[in-house]
PDB file of N, CA and C in Angstrom:
ATOM      1  N   MET A   1      13.257  11.020   1.619  1.00  0.00           N
ATOM      2  CA  MET A   1      12.154  10.223   2.139  1.00  0.00           C
ATOM      3  C   MET A   1      10.844  10.771   1.573  1.00  0.00           C
ATOM      4  N   VAL A   2       9.934   9.844   1.240  1.00  0.00           N
ATOM      5  CA  VAL A   2       8.625  10.225   0.704  1.00  0.00           C
ATOM      6  C   VAL A   2       7.530   9.521   1.499  1.00  0.00           C
ATOM      7  N   ARG A   3       6.328  10.066   1.371  1.00  0.00           N
ATOM      8  CA  ARG A   3       5.128   9.444   1.933  1.00  0.00           C
ATOM      9  C   ARG A   3       4.104   9.431   0.816  1.00  0.00           C
ATOM     10  N   ILE A   4       3.545   8.249   0.560  1.00  0.00           N
ATOM     11  CA  ILE A   4       2.542   8.110  -0.493  1.00  0.00           C
ATOM     12  C   ILE A   4       1.286   7.502   0.110  1.00  0.00           C
ATOM     13  N   TYR A   5       0.156   8.172  -0.130  1.00  0.00           N
ATOM     14  CA  TYR A   5      -1.161   7.652   0.236  1.00  0.00           C
ATOM     15  C   TYR A   5      -1.730   7.014  -1.019  1.00  0.00           C
ATOM     16  N   ILE A   6      -2.125   5.750  -0.924  1.00  0.00           N
ATOM     17  CA  ILE A   6      -2.642   4.998  -2.071  1.00  0.00           C
ATOM     18  C   ILE A   6      -4.000   4.410  -1.682  1.00  0.00           C
ATOM     19  N   GLN A   7      -4.990   4.600  -2.547  1.00  0.00           N
ATOM     20  CA  GLN A   7      -6.282   3.947  -2.335  1.00  0.00           C
ATOM     21  C   GLN A   7      -6.624   3.189  -3.610  1.00  0.00           C
ATOM     22  N   LEU A   8      -6.947   1.910  -3.432  1.00  0.00           N
ATOM     23  CA  LEU A   8      -7.170   1.003  -4.554  1.00  0.00           C
ATOM     24  C   LEU A   8      -8.601   0.496  -4.551  1.00  0.00           C
ATOM     25  N   TYR A   9      -9.206   0.463  -5.725  1.00  0.00           N
ATOM     26  CA  TYR A   9     -10.586   0.020  -5.894  1.00  0.00           C
ATOM     27  C   TYR A   9     -10.627  -1.134  -6.885  1.00  0.00           C
ATOM     28  N   GLY A  10     -11.640  -1.959  -6.764  1.00  0.00           N
ATOM     29  CA  GLY A  10     -11.820  -3.121  -7.642  1.00  0.00           C
ATOM     30  C   GLY A  10     -11.999  -4.349  -6.775  1.00  0.00           C
ATOM     31  N   LYS A  11     -11.534  -5.479  -7.283  1.00  0.00           N
ATOM     32  CA  LYS A  11     -11.581  -6.717  -6.497  1.00  0.00           C
ATOM     33  C   LYS A  11     -10.293  -6.761  -5.665  1.00  0.00           C
ATOM     34  N   VAL A  12     -10.355  -6.092  -4.503  1.00  0.00           N
ATOM     35  CA  VAL A  12      -9.167  -5.963  -3.670  1.00  0.00           C
ATOM     36  C   VAL A  12      -9.358  -6.502  -2.251  1.00  0.00           C
ATOM     37  N   HIS A  13     -10.578  -6.920  -1.913  1.00  0.00           N
ATOM     38  CA  HIS A  13     -10.837  -7.580  -0.624  1.00  0.00           C
ATOM     39  C   HIS A  13     -10.933  -9.080  -0.868  1.00  0.00           C
ATOM     40  N   GLY A  14     -10.459  -9.859   0.100  1.00  0.00           N
ATOM     41  CA  GLY A  14     -10.584 -11.310   0.014  1.00  0.00           C
ATOM     42  C   GLY A  14      -9.620 -11.970  -0.956  1.00  0.00           C
ATOM     43  N   VAL A  15      -8.569 -11.244  -1.336  1.00  0.00           N
ATOM     44  CA  VAL A  15      -7.596 -11.783  -2.295  1.00  0.00           C
ATOM     45  C   VAL A  15      -6.170 -11.765  -1.732  1.00  0.00           C
ATOM     46  N   GLY A  16      -6.038 -11.506  -0.436  1.00  0.00           N
ATOM     47  CA  GLY A  16      -4.718 -11.472   0.186  1.00  0.00           C
ATOM     48  C   GLY A  16      -3.961 -10.181  -0.054  1.00  0.00           C
ATOM     49  N   PHE A  17      -4.670  -9.123  -0.409  1.00  0.00           N
ATOM     50  CA  PHE A  17      -4.005  -7.867  -0.757  1.00  0.00           C
ATOM     51  C   PHE A  17      -3.176  -7.325   0.404  1.00  0.00           C
ATOM     52  N   ARG A  18      -3.740  -7.318   1.598  1.00  0.00           N
ATOM     53  CA  ARG A  18      -3.016  -6.763   2.749  1.00  0.00           C
ATOM     54  C   ARG A  18      -1.769  -7.580   3.059  1.00  0.00           C
ATOM     55  N   TYR A  19      -1.905  -8.881   3.087  1.00  0.00           N
ATOM     56  CA  TYR A  19      -0.777  -9.768   3.373  1.00  0.00           C
ATOM     57  C   TYR A  19       0.347  -9.568   2.363  1.00  0.00           C
ATOM     58  N   HIS A  20       0.008  -9.580   1.084  1.00  0.00           N
ATOM     59  CA  HIS A  20       1.019  -9.424   0.033  1.00  0.00           C
ATOM     60  C   HIS A  20       1.643  -8.029   0.063  1.00  0.00           C
ATOM     61  N   THR A  21       0.841  -7.011   0.371  1.00  0.00           N
ATOM     62  CA  THR A  21       1.373  -5.652   0.448  1.00  0.00           C
ATOM     63  C   THR A  21       2.393  -5.552   1.575  1.00  0.00           C
ATOM     64  N   ARG A  22       2.067  -6.120   2.726  1.00  0.00           N
ATOM     65  CA  ARG A  22       3.019  -6.096   3.841  1.00  0.00           C
ATOM     66  C   ARG A  22       4.320  -6.795   3.462  1.00  0.00           C
ATOM     67  N   ASN A  23       4.221  -7.924   2.780  1.00  0.00           N
ATOM     68  CA  ASN A  23       5.435  -8.637   2.363  1.00  0.00           C
ATOM     69  C   ASN A  23       6.267  -7.818   1.389  1.00  0.00           C
ATOM     70  N   GLU A  24       5.609  -7.204   0.407  1.00  0.00           N
ATOM     71  CA  GLU A  24       6.324  -6.374  -0.574  1.00  0.00           C
ATOM     72  C   GLU A  24       6.984  -5.182   0.118  1.00  0.00           C
ATOM     73  N   ALA A  25       6.251  -4.521   0.997  1.00  0.00           N
ATOM     74  CA  ALA A  25       6.789  -3.355   1.700  1.00  0.00           C
ATOM     75  C   ALA A  25       7.983  -3.749   2.572  1.00  0.00           C
ATOM     76  N   SER A  26       7.878  -4.886   3.223  1.00  0.00           N
ATOM     77  CA  SER A  26       8.983  -5.349   4.072  1.00  0.00           C
ATOM     78  C   SER A  26      10.228  -5.638   3.244  1.00  0.00           C
ATOM     79  N   LYS A  27      10.050  -6.271   2.096  1.00  0.00           N
ATOM     80  CA  LYS A  27      11.187  -6.542   1.202  1.00  0.00           C
ATOM     81  C   LYS A  27      11.872  -5.251   0.781  1.00  0.00           C
ATOM     82  N   LEU A  28      11.070  -4.210   0.585  1.00  0.00           N
ATOM     83  CA  LEU A  28      11.584  -2.924   0.117  1.00  0.00           C
ATOM     84  C   LEU A  28      12.011  -2.008   1.265  1.00  0.00           C
ATOM     85  N   GLU A  29      11.937  -2.516   2.490  1.00  0.00           N
ATOM     86  CA  GLU A  29      12.333  -1.774   3.693  1.00  0.00           C
ATOM     87  C   GLU A  29      11.547  -0.478   3.852  1.00  0.00           C
ATOM     88  N   LEU A  30      10.233  -0.574   3.630  1.00  0.00           N
ATOM     89  CA  LEU A  30       9.333   0.563   3.773  1.00  0.00           C
ATOM     90  C   LEU A  30       8.538   0.429   5.063  1.00  0.00           C
ATOM     91  N   VAL A  31       8.007   1.535   5.548  1.00  0.00           N
ATOM     92  CA  VAL A  31       7.162   1.530   6.737  1.00  0.00           C
ATOM     93  C   VAL A  31       5.813   2.139   6.390  1.00  0.00           C
ATOM     94  N   GLY A  32       4.821   1.881   7.257  1.00  0.00           N
ATOM     95  CA  GLY A  32       3.481   2.402   7.031  1.00  0.00           C
ATOM     96  C   GLY A  32       2.459   1.346   7.375  1.00  0.00           C
ATOM     97  N   TYR A  33       1.348   1.348   6.639  1.00  0.00           N
ATOM     98  CA  TYR A  33       0.315   0.346   6.893  1.00  0.00           C
ATOM     99  C   TYR A  33      -0.549   0.129   5.658  1.00  0.00           C
ATOM    100  N   VAL A  34      -1.306  -0.959   5.700  1.00  0.00           N
ATOM    101  CA  VAL A  34      -2.315  -1.280   4.703  1.00  0.00           C
ATOM    102  C   VAL A  34      -3.564  -1.700   5.459  1.00  0.00           C
ATOM    103  N   LYS A  35      -4.736  -1.299   4.971  1.00  0.00           N
ATOM    104  CA  LYS A  35      -5.972  -1.731   5.616  1.00  0.00           C
ATOM    105  C   LYS A  35      -7.111  -1.771   4.613  1.00  0.00           C
ATOM    106  N   ASN A  36      -8.074  -2.657   4.900  1.00  0.00           N
ATOM    107  CA  ASN A  36      -9.317  -2.699   4.140  1.00  0.00           C
ATOM    108  C   ASN A  36     -10.210  -1.572   4.637  1.00  0.00           C
ATOM    109  N   ARG A  37     -10.871  -0.898   3.722  1.00  0.00           N
ATOM    110  CA  ARG A  37     -11.822   0.144   4.084  1.00  0.00           C
ATOM    111  C   ARG A  37     -13.243  -0.395   3.925  1.00  0.00           C
ATOM    112  N   THR A  38     -14.175   0.187   4.645  1.00  0.00           N
ATOM    113  CA  THR A  38     -15.554  -0.304   4.623  1.00  0.00           C
ATOM    114  C   THR A  38     -16.224  -0.103   3.266  1.00  0.00           C
ATOM    115  N   ASP A  39     -15.686   0.780   2.425  1.00  0.00           N
ATOM    116  CA  ASP A  39     -16.266   1.001   1.092  1.00  0.00           C
ATOM    117  C   ASP A  39     -15.790  -0.023   0.069  1.00  0.00           C
ATOM    118  N   GLY A  40     -14.999  -1.027   0.513  1.00  0.00           N
ATOM    119  CA  GLY A  40     -14.517  -2.071  -0.383  1.00  0.00           C
ATOM    120  C   GLY A  40     -13.160  -1.795  -0.990  1.00  0.00           C
ATOM    121  N   SER A  41     -12.567  -0.657  -0.659  1.00  0.00           N
ATOM    122  CA  SER A  41     -11.238  -0.314  -1.184  1.00  0.00           C
ATOM    123  C   SER A  41     -10.157  -0.750  -0.192  1.00  0.00           C
ATOM    124  N   VAL A  42      -8.916  -0.620  -0.624  1.00  0.00           N
ATOM    125  CA  VAL A  42      -7.759  -0.864   0.225  1.00  0.00           C
ATOM    126  C   VAL A  42      -6.976   0.444   0.308  1.00  0.00           C
ATOM    127  N   GLU A  43      -6.565   0.780   1.524  1.00  0.00           N
ATOM    128  CA  GLU A  43      -5.789   1.996   1.772  1.00  0.00           C
ATOM    129  C   GLU A  43      -4.374   1.610   2.175  1.00  0.00           C
ATOM    130  N   ILE A  44      -3.406   2.281   1.560  1.00  0.00           N
ATOM    131  CA  ILE A  44      -1.999   2.071   1.902  1.00  0.00           C
ATOM    132  C   ILE A  44      -1.381   3.432   2.186  1.00  0.00           C
ATOM    133  N   ILE A  45      -0.662   3.526   3.281  1.00  0.00           N
ATOM    134  CA  ILE A  45       0.208   4.670   3.512  1.00  0.00           C
ATOM    135  C   ILE A  45       1.605   4.106   3.659  1.00  0.00           C
ATOM    136  N   VAL A  46       2.512   4.619   2.845  1.00  0.00           N
ATOM    137  CA  VAL A  46       3.876   4.099   2.828  1.00  0.00           C
ATOM    138  C   VAL A  46       4.853   5.261   2.955  1.00  0.00           C
ATOM    139  N   GLU A  47       5.898   5.037   3.738  1.00  0.00           N
ATOM    140  CA  GLU A  47       6.979   5.998   3.872  1.00  0.00           C
ATOM    141  C   GLU A  47       8.305   5.274   3.688  1.00  0.00           C
ATOM    142  N   GLY A  48       9.250   5.986   3.086  1.00  0.00           N
ATOM    143  CA  GLY A  48      10.583   5.427   2.902  1.00  0.00           C
ATOM    144  C   GLY A  48      11.297   6.134   1.775  1.00  0.00           C
ATOM    145  N   ASP A  49      12.376   5.521   1.316  1.00  0.00           N
ATOM    146  CA  ASP A  49      13.133   6.086   0.202  1.00  0.00           C
ATOM    147  C   ASP A  49      12.256   6.117  -1.050  1.00  0.00           C
ATOM    148  N   GLU A  50      12.503   7.083  -1.894  1.00  0.00           N
ATOM    149  CA  GLU A  50      11.616   7.321  -3.039  1.00  0.00           C
ATOM    150  C   GLU A  50      11.537   6.141  -4.003  1.00  0.00           C
ATOM    151  N   ASP A  51      12.665   5.577  -4.401  1.00  0.00           N
ATOM    152  CA  ASP A  51      12.625   4.493  -5.386  1.00  0.00           C
ATOM    153  C   ASP A  51      11.854   3.270  -4.878  1.00  0.00           C
ATOM    154  N   PRO A  52      12.141   2.779  -3.665  1.00  0.00           N
ATOM    155  CA  PRO A  52      11.351   1.642  -3.168  1.00  0.00           C
ATOM    156  C   PRO A  52       9.864   1.974  -3.005  1.00  0.00           C
ATOM    157  N   ALA A  53       9.547   3.191  -2.573  1.00  0.00           N
ATOM    158  CA  ALA A  53       8.141   3.576  -2.419  1.00  0.00           C
ATOM    159  C   ALA A  53       7.434   3.565  -3.771  1.00  0.00           C
ATOM    160  N   ARG A  54       8.108   4.032  -4.799  1.00  0.00           N
ATOM    161  CA  ARG A  54       7.525   4.005  -6.148  1.00  0.00           C
ATOM    162  C   ARG A  54       7.391   2.565  -6.653  1.00  0.00           C
ATOM    163  N   GLN A  55       8.322   1.693  -6.261  1.00  0.00           N
ATOM    164  CA  GLN A  55       8.217   0.280  -6.638  1.00  0.00           C
ATOM    165  C   GLN A  55       6.979  -0.348  -6.002  1.00  0.00           C
ATOM    166  N   LEU A  56       6.718  -0.003  -4.721  1.00  0.00           N
ATOM    167  CA  LEU A  56       5.518  -0.537  -4.075  1.00  0.00           C
ATOM    168  C   LEU A  56       4.268  -0.009  -4.759  1.00  0.00           C
ATOM    169  N   LEU A  57       4.269   1.257  -5.127  1.00  0.00           N
ATOM    170  CA  LEU A  57       3.127   1.825  -5.845  1.00  0.00           C
ATOM    171  C   LEU A  57       2.900   1.088  -7.159  1.00  0.00           C
ATOM    172  N   ALA A  58       3.955   0.833  -7.902  1.00  0.00           N
ATOM    173  CA  ALA A  58       3.832   0.108  -9.171  1.00  0.00           C
ATOM    174  C   ALA A  58       3.272  -1.299  -8.927  1.00  0.00           C
ATOM    175  N   TRP A  59       3.760  -1.968  -7.886  1.00  0.00           N
ATOM    176  CA  TRP A  59       3.255  -3.298  -7.554  1.00  0.00           C
ATOM    177  C   TRP A  59       1.763  -3.226  -7.203  1.00  0.00           C
ATOM    178  N   ALA A  60       1.376  -2.237  -6.380  1.00  0.00           N
ATOM    179  CA  ALA A  60      -0.011  -2.120  -5.919  1.00  0.00           C
ATOM    180  C   ALA A  60      -0.980  -1.891  -7.076  1.00  0.00           C
ATOM    181  N   ARG A  61      -0.524  -1.272  -8.138  1.00  0.00           N
ATOM    182  CA  ARG A  61      -1.398  -1.041  -9.299  1.00  0.00           C
ATOM    183  C   ARG A  61      -1.872  -2.366  -9.905  1.00  0.00           C
ATOM    184  N   GLN A  62      -1.116  -3.427  -9.696  1.00  0.00           N
ATOM    185  CA  GLN A  62      -1.502  -4.763 -10.163  1.00  0.00           C
ATOM    186  C   GLN A  62      -2.026  -5.611  -9.012  1.00  0.00           C
ATOM    187  N   GLY A  63      -1.325  -5.543  -7.864  1.00  0.00           N
ATOM    188  CA  GLY A  63      -1.711  -6.319  -6.690  1.00  0.00           C
ATOM    189  C   GLY A  63      -1.354  -7.782  -6.824  1.00  0.00           C
ATOM    190  N   PRO A  64      -1.811  -8.598  -5.879  1.00  0.00           N
ATOM    191  CA  PRO A  64      -1.548 -10.031  -5.937  1.00  0.00           C
ATOM    192  C   PRO A  64      -2.331 -10.673  -7.083  1.00  0.00           C
ATOM    193  N   PRO A  65      -1.984 -11.915  -7.429  1.00  0.00           N
ATOM    194  CA  PRO A  65      -2.586 -12.558  -8.604  1.00  0.00           C
ATOM    195  C   PRO A  65      -4.119 -12.559  -8.657  1.00  0.00           C
ATOM    196  N   ALA A  66      -4.804 -12.744  -7.540  1.00  0.00           N
ATOM    197  CA  ALA A  66      -6.266 -12.833  -7.555  1.00  0.00           C
ATOM    198  C   ALA A  66      -6.963 -11.465  -7.587  1.00  0.00           C
ATOM    199  N   ALA A  67      -6.208 -10.397  -7.406  1.00  0.00           N
ATOM    200  CA  ALA A  67      -6.804  -9.050  -7.371  1.00  0.00           C
ATOM    201  C   ALA A  67      -7.102  -8.549  -8.781  1.00  0.00           C
ATOM    202  N   GLN A  68      -8.061  -7.642  -8.856  1.00  0.00           N
ATOM    203  CA  GLN A  68      -8.363  -6.939 -10.098  1.00  0.00           C
ATOM    204  C   GLN A  68      -8.507  -5.462  -9.747  1.00  0.00           C
ATOM    205  N   VAL A  69      -7.391  -4.741  -9.832  1.00  0.00           N
ATOM    206  CA  VAL A  69      -7.383  -3.326  -9.486  1.00  0.00           C
ATOM    207  C   VAL A  69      -7.987  -2.543 -10.649  1.00  0.00           C
ATOM    208  N   GLU A  70      -9.046  -1.798 -10.360  1.00  0.00           N
ATOM    209  CA  GLU A  70      -9.739  -1.037 -11.398  1.00  0.00           C
ATOM    210  C   GLU A  70      -9.410   0.450 -11.359  1.00  0.00           C
ATOM    211  N   ARG A  71      -9.110   0.956 -10.164  1.00  0.00           N
ATOM    212  CA  ARG A  71      -8.821   2.392 -10.039  1.00  0.00           C
ATOM    213  C   ARG A  71      -7.851   2.604  -8.891  1.00  0.00           C
ATOM    214  N   VAL A  72      -6.927   3.544  -9.076  1.00  0.00           N
ATOM    215  CA  VAL A  72      -5.927   3.851  -8.062  1.00  0.00           C
ATOM    216  C   VAL A  72      -5.900   5.357  -7.846  1.00  0.00           C
ATOM    217  N   GLU A  73      -5.987   5.774  -6.594  1.00  0.00           N
ATOM    218  CA  GLU A  73      -5.816   7.179  -6.235  1.00  0.00           C
ATOM    219  C   GLU A  73      -4.502   7.306  -5.481  1.00  0.00           C
ATOM    220  N   VAL A  74      -3.703   8.286  -5.856  1.00  0.00           N
ATOM    221  CA  VAL A  74      -2.377   8.466  -5.271  1.00  0.00           C
ATOM    222  C   VAL A  74      -2.209   9.915  -4.849  1.00  0.00           C
ATOM    223  N   VAL A  75      -1.750  10.119  -3.615  1.00  0.00           N
ATOM    224  CA  VAL A  75      -1.453  11.455  -3.117  1.00  0.00           C
ATOM    225  C   VAL A  75      -0.087  11.410  -2.437  1.00  0.00           C
ATOM    226  N   TYR A  76       0.798  12.291  -2.876  1.00  0.00           N
ATOM    227  CA  TYR A  76       2.097  12.425  -2.210  1.00  0.00           C
ATOM    228  C   TYR A  76       1.918  13.410  -1.060  1.00  0.00           C
ATOM    229  N   GLU A  77       2.358  12.988   0.122  1.00  0.00           N
ATOM    230  CA  GLU A  77       2.194  13.795   1.329  1.00  0.00           C
ATOM    231  C   GLU A  77       3.555  14.051   1.964  1.00  0.00           C
ATOM    232  N   ILE A  78       3.561  14.902   2.961  1.00  0.00           N
ATOM    233  CA  ILE A  78       4.791  15.178   3.698  1.00  0.00           C
ATOM    234  C   ILE A  78       5.031  14.026   4.667  1.00  0.00           C
ATOM    235  N   PRO A  79       6.230  13.421   4.634  1.00  0.00           N
ATOM    236  CA  PRO A  79       6.523  12.317   5.553  1.00  0.00           C
ATOM    237  C   PRO A  79       6.408  12.765   7.010  1.00  0.00           C
ATOM    238  N   THR A  80       5.897  11.876   7.850  1.00  0.00           N
ATOM    239  CA  THR A  80       5.736  12.180   9.272  1.00  0.00           C
ATOM    240  C   THR A  80       6.693  11.384  10.148  1.00  0.00           C
ATOM    241  N   ASP A  81       7.300  10.345   9.591  1.00  0.00           N
ATOM    242  CA  ASP A  81       8.228   9.487  10.325  1.00  0.00           C
ATOM    243  C   ASP A  81       7.565   8.889  11.571  1.00  0.00           C
ATOM    244  N   GLU A  82       6.274   8.573  11.462  1.00  0.00           N
ATOM    245  CA  GLU A  82       5.527   8.053  12.613  1.00  0.00           C
ATOM    246  C   GLU A  82       5.520   6.535  12.716  1.00  0.00           C
ATOM    247  N   PHE A  83       6.006   5.850  11.688  1.00  0.00           N
ATOM    248  CA  PHE A  83       5.925   4.389  11.648  1.00  0.00           C
ATOM    249  C   PHE A  83       7.292   3.755  11.912  1.00  0.00           C
ATOM    250  N   GLY A  84       7.269   2.636  12.625  1.00  0.00           N
ATOM    251  CA  GLY A  84       8.500   1.888  12.853  1.00  0.00           C
ATOM    252  C   GLY A  84       8.592   0.647  11.978  1.00  0.00           C
ATOM    253  N   THR A  85       7.424   0.178  11.507  1.00  0.00           N
ATOM    254  CA  THR A  85       7.346  -1.022  10.682  1.00  0.00           C
ATOM    255  C   THR A  85       6.241  -0.813   9.645  1.00  0.00           C
ATOM    256  N   PHE A  86       6.009  -1.836   8.841  1.00  0.00           N
ATOM    257  CA  PHE A  86       4.858  -1.831   7.936  1.00  0.00           C
ATOM    258  C   PHE A  86       3.882  -2.844   8.485  1.00  0.00           C
ATOM    259  N   SER A  87       2.651  -2.421   8.759  1.00  0.00           N
ATOM    260  CA  SER A  87       1.700  -3.292   9.433  1.00  0.00           C
ATOM    261  C   SER A  87       0.384  -3.403   8.661  1.00  0.00           C
ATOM    262  N   ILE A  88      -0.377  -4.414   9.054  1.00  0.00           N
ATOM    263  CA  ILE A  88      -1.738  -4.575   8.575  1.00  0.00           C
ATOM    264  C   ILE A  88      -2.655  -4.011   9.647  1.00  0.00           C
ATOM    265  N   GLU A  89      -3.439  -3.025   9.281  1.00  0.00           N
ATOM    266  CA  GLU A  89      -4.373  -2.393  10.215  1.00  0.00           C
ATOM    267  C   GLU A  89      -5.743  -3.032  10.046  1.00  0.00           C
ATOM    268  N   ARG A  90      -6.534  -3.016  11.077  1.00  0.00           N
ATOM    269  CA  ARG A  90      -7.891  -3.561  11.031  1.00  0.00           C
ATOM    270  C   ARG A  90      -8.882  -2.447  10.859  1.00  0.00           C
TER     271      ARG A  90
END
């Protein structure tokens, strides 16, 4: 099991990023959350098996069709097993 903290910058608000991320994470049976940050970035914390988590990271680097991801910060952390689902946070 892995935990990945992802922060994405660029045109990532107002393009359905959170909705699409939740759908992708659910398909991959991952848990965690996605939320818009006040600085205009999107934050994702994902936990699950390594291969699906890396697939979500690869997807997030591109995002949904209307997004324009310009920069990605990634930090691998120790899993906490605190999530039961993948949710959209406010």
